[in-house]
Amino acid sequence: MKDRIRYSEAFKLKVMEELRDAKWKSVQEAARAYGIAEMSVYNWMHKLGFEHLKGRLIYVKTRTELDRIKEPVAHSDRGCQYASRAYREALEKLGWRSSMTEELHCYENARTERLNGILK
């Protein structure tokens, strides 16, 4: 059986802070730099309260993927106001791309829909 490597809380916190401060572009990059498992880093995020970083840290393999991510996107449900020609033309003038949930897939927007239901 392999010996488990134990990391100090100070080291874990250091890695999380470096990710927060964008020293590393992704969890994969940080894990590779320190020779640790990616899953360990994700577990530390959860344990140390850095889960908000999960949405910010991404892994891209190609330049095309990176360019696509840099493009501003307005994501919405399929409401008529978002599907209207005027809205789409306004986004186009701003240089934004429109993105909508798939038809009949309300679960893509579940958190927002739940909050709206509570507020109503």
N, C-alpha and C. Protein backbone atom coordinates (compact mmCIF):
# COMPACT_ATOMS: atom_id res chain seq x y z
N MET A 1 0.84 -1.18 0.00
CA MET A 1 0.00 0.00 0.00
C MET A 1 0.88 1.25 0.00
N LYS A 2 0.49 2.22 -0.79
CA LYS A 2 1.25 3.46 -0.90
C LYS A 2 1.09 4.30 0.36
N ASP A 3 2.19 4.96 0.75
CA ASP A 3 2.10 5.91 1.85
C ASP A 3 1.38 7.17 1.37
N ARG A 4 0.49 7.66 2.20
CA ARG A 4 -0.21 8.90 1.86
C ARG A 4 0.65 10.08 2.22
N ILE A 5 0.73 11.02 1.33
CA ILE A 5 1.47 12.24 1.61
C ILE A 5 0.55 13.20 2.34
N ARG A 6 1.02 13.71 3.44
CA ARG A 6 0.23 14.67 4.23
C ARG A 6 0.81 16.05 4.01
N TYR A 7 -0.07 16.99 3.67
CA TYR A 7 0.35 18.37 3.46
C TYR A 7 -0.12 19.22 4.63
N SER A 8 0.68 20.19 4.99
CA SER A 8 0.32 21.07 6.10
C SER A 8 -0.83 21.98 5.69
N GLU A 9 -1.58 22.43 6.68
CA GLU A 9 -2.68 23.38 6.41
C GLU A 9 -2.13 24.66 5.79
N ALA A 10 -0.94 25.07 6.21
CA ALA A 10 -0.32 26.28 5.67
C ALA A 10 -0.04 26.11 4.17
N PHE A 11 0.43 24.93 3.77
CA PHE A 11 0.71 24.68 2.36
C PHE A 11 -0.59 24.68 1.55
N LYS A 12 -1.62 24.01 2.07
CA LYS A 12 -2.91 23.98 1.38
C LYS A 12 -3.45 25.39 1.18
N LEU A 13 -3.36 26.19 2.23
CA LEU A 13 -3.83 27.57 2.17
C LEU A 13 -3.02 28.38 1.15
N LYS A 14 -1.72 28.13 1.11
CA LYS A 14 -0.85 28.82 0.15
C LYS A 14 -1.28 28.52 -1.28
N VAL A 15 -1.56 27.25 -1.58
CA VAL A 15 -1.99 26.86 -2.93
C VAL A 15 -3.33 27.53 -3.26
N MET A 16 -4.26 27.53 -2.30
CA MET A 16 -5.56 28.16 -2.54
C MET A 16 -5.42 29.66 -2.80
N GLU A 17 -4.57 30.31 -2.03
CA GLU A 17 -4.38 31.75 -2.20
C GLU A 17 -3.71 32.05 -3.54
N GLU A 18 -2.80 31.20 -3.98
CA GLU A 18 -2.16 31.39 -5.28
C GLU A 18 -3.19 31.23 -6.40
N LEU A 19 -4.10 30.28 -6.26
CA LEU A 19 -5.16 30.12 -7.25
C LEU A 19 -6.08 31.34 -7.24
N ARG A 20 -6.43 31.80 -6.06
CA ARG A 20 -7.30 32.97 -5.94
C ARG A 20 -6.66 34.20 -6.58
N ASP A 21 -5.35 34.36 -6.37
CA ASP A 21 -4.64 35.53 -6.89
C ASP A 21 -4.16 35.34 -8.32
N ALA A 22 -4.60 34.28 -8.96
CA ALA A 22 -4.33 33.99 -10.38
C ALA A 22 -2.86 33.76 -10.70
N LYS A 23 -2.12 33.24 -9.73
CA LYS A 23 -0.74 32.84 -10.06
C LYS A 23 -0.78 31.67 -11.04
N TRP A 24 -1.77 30.82 -10.87
CA TRP A 24 -1.97 29.66 -11.74
C TRP A 24 -3.23 29.87 -12.55
N LYS A 25 -3.21 29.42 -13.79
CA LYS A 25 -4.38 29.58 -14.66
C LYS A 25 -5.44 28.53 -14.40
N SER A 26 -5.04 27.42 -13.80
CA SER A 26 -5.99 26.33 -13.57
C SER A 26 -5.52 25.47 -12.40
N VAL A 27 -6.45 24.65 -11.92
CA VAL A 27 -6.11 23.69 -10.87
C VAL A 27 -5.06 22.73 -11.40
N GLN A 28 -5.20 22.33 -12.66
CA GLN A 28 -4.26 21.39 -13.25
C GLN A 28 -2.84 21.97 -13.24
N GLU A 29 -2.72 23.25 -13.57
CA GLU A 29 -1.40 23.88 -13.61
C GLU A 29 -0.78 23.93 -12.21
N ALA A 30 -1.57 24.29 -11.21
CA ALA A 30 -1.06 24.35 -9.83
C ALA A 30 -0.66 22.95 -9.36
N ALA A 31 -1.50 21.97 -9.64
CA ALA A 31 -1.21 20.59 -9.22
C ALA A 31 0.08 20.09 -9.86
N ARG A 32 0.25 20.37 -11.14
CA ARG A 32 1.46 19.96 -11.84
C ARG A 32 2.70 20.64 -11.26
N ALA A 33 2.57 21.93 -10.95
CA ALA A 33 3.72 22.68 -10.44
C ALA A 33 4.20 22.13 -9.10
N TYR A 34 3.26 21.69 -8.27
CA TYR A 34 3.63 21.18 -6.94
C TYR A 34 3.70 19.66 -6.88
N GLY A 35 3.35 18.98 -7.98
CA GLY A 35 3.40 17.52 -7.99
C GLY A 35 2.36 16.88 -7.10
N ILE A 36 1.18 17.46 -7.07
CA ILE A 36 0.09 16.92 -6.25
C ILE A 36 -1.09 16.54 -7.15
N ALA A 37 -1.96 15.71 -6.64
CA ALA A 37 -3.12 15.27 -7.40
C ALA A 37 -4.15 16.40 -7.51
N GLU A 38 -4.75 16.53 -8.70
CA GLU A 38 -5.78 17.55 -8.91
C GLU A 38 -6.93 17.38 -7.92
N MET A 39 -7.32 16.13 -7.68
CA MET A 39 -8.43 15.88 -6.77
C MET A 39 -8.13 16.40 -5.37
N SER A 40 -6.88 16.34 -4.97
CA SER A 40 -6.50 16.89 -3.66
C SER A 40 -6.78 18.39 -3.61
N VAL A 41 -6.43 19.08 -4.70
CA VAL A 41 -6.65 20.53 -4.74
C VAL A 41 -8.14 20.84 -4.65
N TYR A 42 -8.96 20.09 -5.41
CA TYR A 42 -10.41 20.30 -5.34
C TYR A 42 -10.95 20.02 -3.94
N ASN A 43 -10.42 18.99 -3.29
CA ASN A 43 -10.85 18.69 -1.92
C ASN A 43 -10.47 19.83 -0.97
N TRP A 44 -9.29 20.40 -1.16
CA TRP A 44 -8.87 21.52 -0.31
C TRP A 44 -9.77 22.73 -0.53
N MET A 45 -10.18 22.94 -1.78
CA MET A 45 -11.10 24.05 -2.07
C MET A 45 -12.35 23.93 -1.21
N HIS A 46 -12.88 22.72 -1.19
CA HIS A 46 -14.10 22.48 -0.41
C HIS A 46 -13.83 22.65 1.08
N LYS A 47 -12.79 22.04 1.57
CA LYS A 47 -12.47 22.05 2.99
C LYS A 47 -12.13 23.45 3.52
N LEU A 48 -11.41 24.23 2.70
CA LEU A 48 -10.94 25.54 3.17
C LEU A 48 -11.85 26.69 2.76
N GLY A 49 -12.98 26.38 2.15
CA GLY A 49 -13.94 27.43 1.81
C GLY A 49 -13.58 28.24 0.58
N PHE A 50 -12.89 27.63 -0.37
CA PHE A 50 -12.53 28.33 -1.60
C PHE A 50 -13.34 27.80 -2.79
N GLU A 51 -14.52 27.27 -2.52
CA GLU A 51 -15.33 26.68 -3.59
C GLU A 51 -15.72 27.70 -4.66
N HIS A 52 -15.76 28.97 -4.28
CA HIS A 52 -16.11 30.01 -5.26
C HIS A 52 -15.11 30.07 -6.41
N LEU A 53 -13.93 29.50 -6.23
CA LEU A 53 -12.92 29.50 -7.29
C LEU A 53 -13.24 28.49 -8.39
N LYS A 54 -14.04 27.49 -8.09
CA LYS A 54 -14.29 26.43 -9.07
C LYS A 54 -14.84 26.98 -10.38
N GLY A 55 -15.71 27.92 -10.31
CA GLY A 55 -16.27 28.49 -11.53
C GLY A 55 -15.31 29.38 -12.28
N ARG A 56 -14.31 29.90 -11.60
CA ARG A 56 -13.36 30.82 -12.23
C ARG A 56 -12.19 30.11 -12.87
N LEU A 57 -11.85 28.96 -12.37
CA LEU A 57 -10.67 28.26 -12.86
C LEU A 57 -11.06 27.29 -13.96
N ILE A 58 -10.44 27.43 -15.09
CA ILE A 58 -10.79 26.61 -16.23
C ILE A 58 -9.53 26.01 -16.83
N TYR A 59 -9.72 24.99 -17.61
CA TYR A 59 -8.59 24.34 -18.27
C TYR A 59 -8.86 24.35 -19.76
N VAL A 60 -8.01 24.98 -20.51
CA VAL A 60 -8.17 25.01 -21.95
C VAL A 60 -6.98 24.33 -22.61
N LYS A 61 -7.25 23.62 -23.68
CA LYS A 61 -6.21 22.87 -24.36
C LYS A 61 -5.67 23.59 -25.59
N THR A 62 -6.51 24.41 -26.22
CA THR A 62 -6.09 25.06 -27.46
C THR A 62 -6.30 26.56 -27.40
N ARG A 63 -5.64 27.25 -28.27
CA ARG A 63 -5.77 28.71 -28.38
C ARG A 63 -7.20 29.10 -28.79
N THR A 64 -7.81 28.28 -29.64
CA THR A 64 -9.18 28.53 -30.08
C THR A 64 -10.14 28.52 -28.89
N GLU A 65 -9.98 27.55 -28.00
CA GLU A 65 -10.82 27.49 -26.80
C GLU A 65 -10.63 28.74 -25.95
N LEU A 66 -9.40 29.17 -25.80
CA LEU A 66 -9.12 30.36 -25.00
C LEU A 66 -9.75 31.59 -25.62
N ASP A 67 -9.65 31.75 -26.93
CA ASP A 67 -10.25 32.90 -27.60
C ASP A 67 -11.77 32.90 -27.44
N ARG A 68 -12.36 31.73 -27.50
CA ARG A 68 -13.82 31.64 -27.35
C ARG A 68 -14.24 32.03 -25.93
N ILE A 69 -13.46 31.68 -24.95
CA ILE A 69 -13.79 32.02 -23.56
C ILE A 69 -13.69 33.53 -23.34
N LYS A 70 -12.75 34.18 -24.00
CA LYS A 70 -12.57 35.62 -23.83
C LYS A 70 -13.73 36.41 -24.42
N GLU A 71 -14.49 35.80 -25.32
CA GLU A 71 -15.61 36.48 -25.96
C GLU A 71 -16.75 36.65 -24.96
N PRO A 72 -17.26 37.89 -24.79
CA PRO A 72 -18.35 38.08 -23.83
C PRO A 72 -19.63 37.37 -24.28
N VAL A 73 -20.31 36.77 -23.32
CA VAL A 73 -21.52 36.01 -23.62
C VAL A 73 -22.64 36.46 -22.69
N ALA A 74 -23.82 36.67 -23.27
CA ALA A 74 -25.02 36.96 -22.48
C ALA A 74 -25.85 35.69 -22.46
N HIS A 75 -25.87 35.00 -21.34
CA HIS A 75 -26.62 33.74 -21.23
C HIS A 75 -27.97 34.01 -20.60
N SER A 76 -29.01 33.45 -21.17
CA SER A 76 -30.36 33.69 -20.66
C SER A 76 -31.22 32.46 -20.88
N ASP A 77 -32.43 32.53 -20.32
CA ASP A 77 -33.39 31.47 -20.62
C ASP A 77 -34.00 31.80 -21.99
N ARG A 78 -35.05 31.12 -22.36
CA ARG A 78 -35.61 31.31 -23.69
C ARG A 78 -36.78 32.29 -23.69
N GLY A 79 -36.78 33.23 -22.75
CA GLY A 79 -37.84 34.23 -22.69
C GLY A 79 -37.93 35.05 -23.96
N CYS A 80 -39.14 35.50 -24.28
CA CYS A 80 -39.35 36.22 -25.54
C CYS A 80 -38.52 37.50 -25.61
N GLN A 81 -38.28 38.14 -24.46
CA GLN A 81 -37.48 39.37 -24.49
C GLN A 81 -36.05 39.10 -24.90
N TYR A 82 -35.53 37.91 -24.59
CA TYR A 82 -34.15 37.57 -24.94
C TYR A 82 -34.05 37.02 -26.37
N ALA A 83 -35.16 36.53 -26.88
CA ALA A 83 -35.17 35.99 -28.25
C ALA A 83 -35.53 37.06 -29.28
N SER A 84 -35.90 38.22 -28.80
CA SER A 84 -36.35 39.27 -29.72
C SER A 84 -35.21 39.77 -30.60
N ARG A 85 -35.58 40.26 -31.76
CA ARG A 85 -34.60 40.79 -32.71
C ARG A 85 -33.87 41.98 -32.12
N ALA A 86 -34.58 42.87 -31.43
CA ALA A 86 -33.96 44.08 -30.86
C ALA A 86 -32.87 43.71 -29.86
N TYR A 87 -33.13 42.73 -29.00
CA TYR A 87 -32.15 42.30 -28.01
C TYR A 87 -30.92 41.70 -28.69
N ARG A 88 -31.16 40.83 -29.66
CA ARG A 88 -30.04 40.20 -30.36
C ARG A 88 -29.20 41.21 -31.13
N GLU A 89 -29.85 42.21 -31.74
CA GLU A 89 -29.11 43.25 -32.46
C GLU A 89 -28.29 44.11 -31.50
N ALA A 90 -28.87 44.40 -30.31
CA ALA A 90 -28.13 45.18 -29.31
C ALA A 90 -26.88 44.43 -28.86
N LEU A 91 -27.00 43.13 -28.63
CA LEU A 91 -25.84 42.32 -28.26
C LEU A 91 -24.80 42.33 -29.37
N GLU A 92 -25.26 42.20 -30.59
CA GLU A 92 -24.34 42.19 -31.74
C GLU A 92 -23.56 43.49 -31.84
N LYS A 93 -24.22 44.62 -31.60
CA LYS A 93 -23.55 45.92 -31.63
C LYS A 93 -22.46 46.01 -30.55
N LEU A 94 -22.72 45.39 -29.41
CA LEU A 94 -21.75 45.38 -28.31
C LEU A 94 -20.62 44.37 -28.53
N GLY A 95 -20.80 43.50 -29.51
CA GLY A 95 -19.80 42.47 -29.76
C GLY A 95 -19.96 41.25 -28.85
N TRP A 96 -21.15 41.09 -28.29
CA TRP A 96 -21.43 39.97 -27.41
C TRP A 96 -22.11 38.85 -28.19
N ARG A 97 -21.92 37.64 -27.70
CA ARG A 97 -22.57 36.47 -28.27
C ARG A 97 -23.75 36.09 -27.38
N SER A 98 -24.85 35.71 -27.99
CA SER A 98 -26.03 35.29 -27.24
C SER A 98 -25.99 33.79 -27.00
N SER A 99 -26.38 33.39 -25.81
CA SER A 99 -26.44 31.98 -25.45
C SER A 99 -27.73 31.75 -24.67
N MET A 100 -28.45 30.70 -25.02
CA MET A 100 -29.71 30.40 -24.33
C MET A 100 -29.72 28.95 -23.86
N THR A 101 -30.51 28.71 -22.83
CA THR A 101 -30.69 27.34 -22.38
C THR A 101 -31.38 26.56 -23.48
N GLU A 102 -31.22 25.25 -23.45
CA GLU A 102 -31.89 24.43 -24.45
C GLU A 102 -33.39 24.43 -24.18
N GLU A 103 -34.15 24.24 -25.21
CA GLU A 103 -35.60 24.23 -25.07
C GLU A 103 -36.03 23.09 -24.15
N LEU A 104 -36.92 23.39 -23.23
CA LEU A 104 -37.47 22.43 -22.26
C LEU A 104 -36.43 21.87 -21.31
N HIS A 105 -35.36 22.61 -21.06
CA HIS A 105 -34.32 22.19 -20.12
C HIS A 105 -34.23 23.21 -18.98
N CYS A 106 -35.27 23.29 -18.18
CA CYS A 106 -35.30 24.27 -17.10
C CYS A 106 -34.24 23.98 -16.04
N TYR A 107 -33.73 22.75 -15.98
CA TYR A 107 -32.74 22.40 -14.96
C TYR A 107 -31.40 23.10 -15.17
N GLU A 108 -31.14 23.59 -16.38
CA GLU A 108 -29.91 24.33 -16.62
C GLU A 108 -29.85 25.61 -15.79
N ASN A 109 -31.02 26.09 -15.44
CA ASN A 109 -31.11 27.36 -14.72
C ASN A 109 -31.76 27.14 -13.35
N ALA A 110 -31.57 25.97 -12.77
CA ALA A 110 -32.31 25.57 -11.57
C ALA A 110 -32.12 26.51 -10.39
N ARG A 111 -30.90 26.92 -10.11
CA ARG A 111 -30.67 27.79 -8.95
C ARG A 111 -31.40 29.12 -9.10
N THR A 112 -31.30 29.71 -10.28
CA THR A 112 -31.96 30.99 -10.51
C THR A 112 -33.47 30.83 -10.42
N GLU A 113 -34.00 29.77 -11.03
CA GLU A 113 -35.44 29.55 -10.99
C GLU A 113 -35.93 29.33 -9.56
N ARG A 114 -35.15 28.64 -8.75
CA ARG A 114 -35.53 28.42 -7.35
C ARG A 114 -35.55 29.75 -6.60
N LEU A 115 -34.54 30.58 -6.79
CA LEU A 115 -34.50 31.88 -6.14
C LEU A 115 -35.69 32.73 -6.58
N ASN A 116 -35.99 32.73 -7.88
CA ASN A 116 -37.14 33.49 -8.36
C ASN A 116 -38.42 33.00 -7.72
N GLY A 117 -38.55 31.69 -7.56
CA GLY A 117 -39.74 31.12 -6.92
C GLY A 117 -39.86 31.55 -5.47
N ILE A 118 -38.76 31.65 -4.76
CA ILE A 118 -38.77 32.07 -3.35
C ILE A 118 -39.15 33.54 -3.26
N LEU A 119 -38.63 34.35 -4.17
CA LEU A 119 -38.88 35.80 -4.12
C LEU A 119 -40.31 36.16 -4.53
N LYS A 120 -40.97 35.31 -5.32
CA LYS A 120 -42.32 35.63 -5.80
C LYS A 120 -43.34 35.60 -4.71
